[in-house]
Protein backbone atom coordinates (compact mmCIF):
# COMPACT_ATOMS: atom_id res chain seq x y z
CA UNK A 1 0.00 0.00 0.00
CA UNK A 2 1.28 3.49 -0.85
CA UNK A 3 0.63 6.71 1.10
CA UNK A 4 0.51 10.32 -0.08
CA UNK A 5 2.64 12.89 1.71
CA UNK A 6 -0.54 14.31 3.20
CA UNK A 7 -1.57 10.89 4.54
CA UNK A 8 1.88 10.39 6.10
CA UNK A 9 1.68 13.79 7.81
CA UNK A 10 -1.75 12.91 9.22
CA UNK A 11 -0.45 9.53 10.37
CA UNK A 12 2.37 11.27 12.28
CA UNK A 13 -0.18 13.65 13.83
CA UNK A 14 -2.14 10.67 15.21
CA UNK A 15 0.97 8.49 15.89
CA UNK A 16 -0.27 5.86 13.44
CA UNK A 17 1.99 3.36 11.71
CA UNK A 18 1.53 2.10 8.17
CA UNK A 19 0.55 -1.26 9.69
CA UNK A 20 -2.19 0.45 11.77
CA UNK A 21 -3.67 2.04 8.65
CA UNK A 22 -3.42 -1.10 6.50
CA UNK A 23 -5.13 -3.15 9.23
CA UNK A 24 -7.85 -0.47 9.49
CA UNK A 25 -8.46 -0.58 5.73
CA UNK A 26 -8.47 -4.39 5.50
CA UNK A 27 -10.72 -4.91 8.53
CA UNK A 28 -14.38 -5.47 7.75
CA UNK A 29 -15.62 -3.37 10.67
CA UNK A 30 -16.94 0.11 9.86
CA UNK A 31 -18.38 1.06 6.48
CA UNK A 32 -17.29 2.08 3.00
CA UNK A 33 -18.73 4.82 0.79
CA UNK A 34 -17.71 7.11 -2.09
CA UNK A 35 -17.01 10.82 -1.95
CA UNK A 36 -18.16 13.31 -4.61
CA UNK A 37 -15.08 12.61 -6.74
CA UNK A 38 -15.70 8.85 -6.59
CA UNK A 39 -12.84 8.11 -4.18
CA UNK A 40 -13.33 5.33 -1.65
CA UNK A 41 -13.98 6.43 1.96
CA UNK A 42 -13.50 3.95 4.78
CA UNK A 43 -14.87 4.89 8.19
CA UNK A 44 -14.13 3.06 11.41
CA UNK A 45 -11.89 3.18 14.45
CA UNK A 46 -8.18 2.95 15.13
CA UNK A 47 -7.32 2.62 18.81
CA UNK A 48 -10.84 3.78 19.70
CA UNK A 49 -10.52 6.99 17.65
CA UNK A 50 -13.02 7.45 14.83
CA UNK A 51 -11.00 7.69 11.62
CA UNK A 52 -11.69 8.00 7.89
CA UNK A 53 -9.27 6.87 5.19
CA UNK A 54 -9.70 8.02 1.59
CA UNK A 55 -8.35 5.77 -1.18
CA UNK A 56 -7.92 6.74 -4.82
CA UNK A 57 -10.70 5.29 -6.99
CA UNK A 58 -8.28 4.55 -9.85
CA UNK A 59 -5.67 2.97 -7.49
CA UNK A 60 -7.23 1.46 -4.34
CA UNK A 61 -3.72 0.71 -3.04
CA UNK A 62 -3.04 4.46 -2.70
CA UNK A 63 -4.12 6.23 0.49
CA UNK A 64 -4.88 9.90 -0.27
CA UNK A 65 -5.52 10.92 3.34
CA UNK A 66 -6.57 9.71 6.74
CA UNK A 67 -8.24 11.94 9.27
CA UNK A 68 -10.43 12.01 12.34
CA UNK A 69 -14.07 11.15 11.69
CA UNK A 70 -16.78 12.02 14.15
CA UNK A 71 -19.72 10.46 12.33
CA UNK A 72 -20.96 13.59 10.59
CA UNK A 73 -22.19 13.83 7.01
CA UNK A 74 -21.80 10.63 5.08
């Protein structure tokens, strides 16, 4: 799995490792949707923090960003 610079900066902010994020994405807990650009959004929890990962629609192995998710607009 590859990570954008933005995703890596966010991962440092939350003290997340690449393994944490890959496990989060591969886990079946949470739910998956699409954003307005068609990118894949994965919502769930990492270490009891609500998180959202956004993957590129044309390359699902590429993480665009990961950020806190508080269950707002889907």
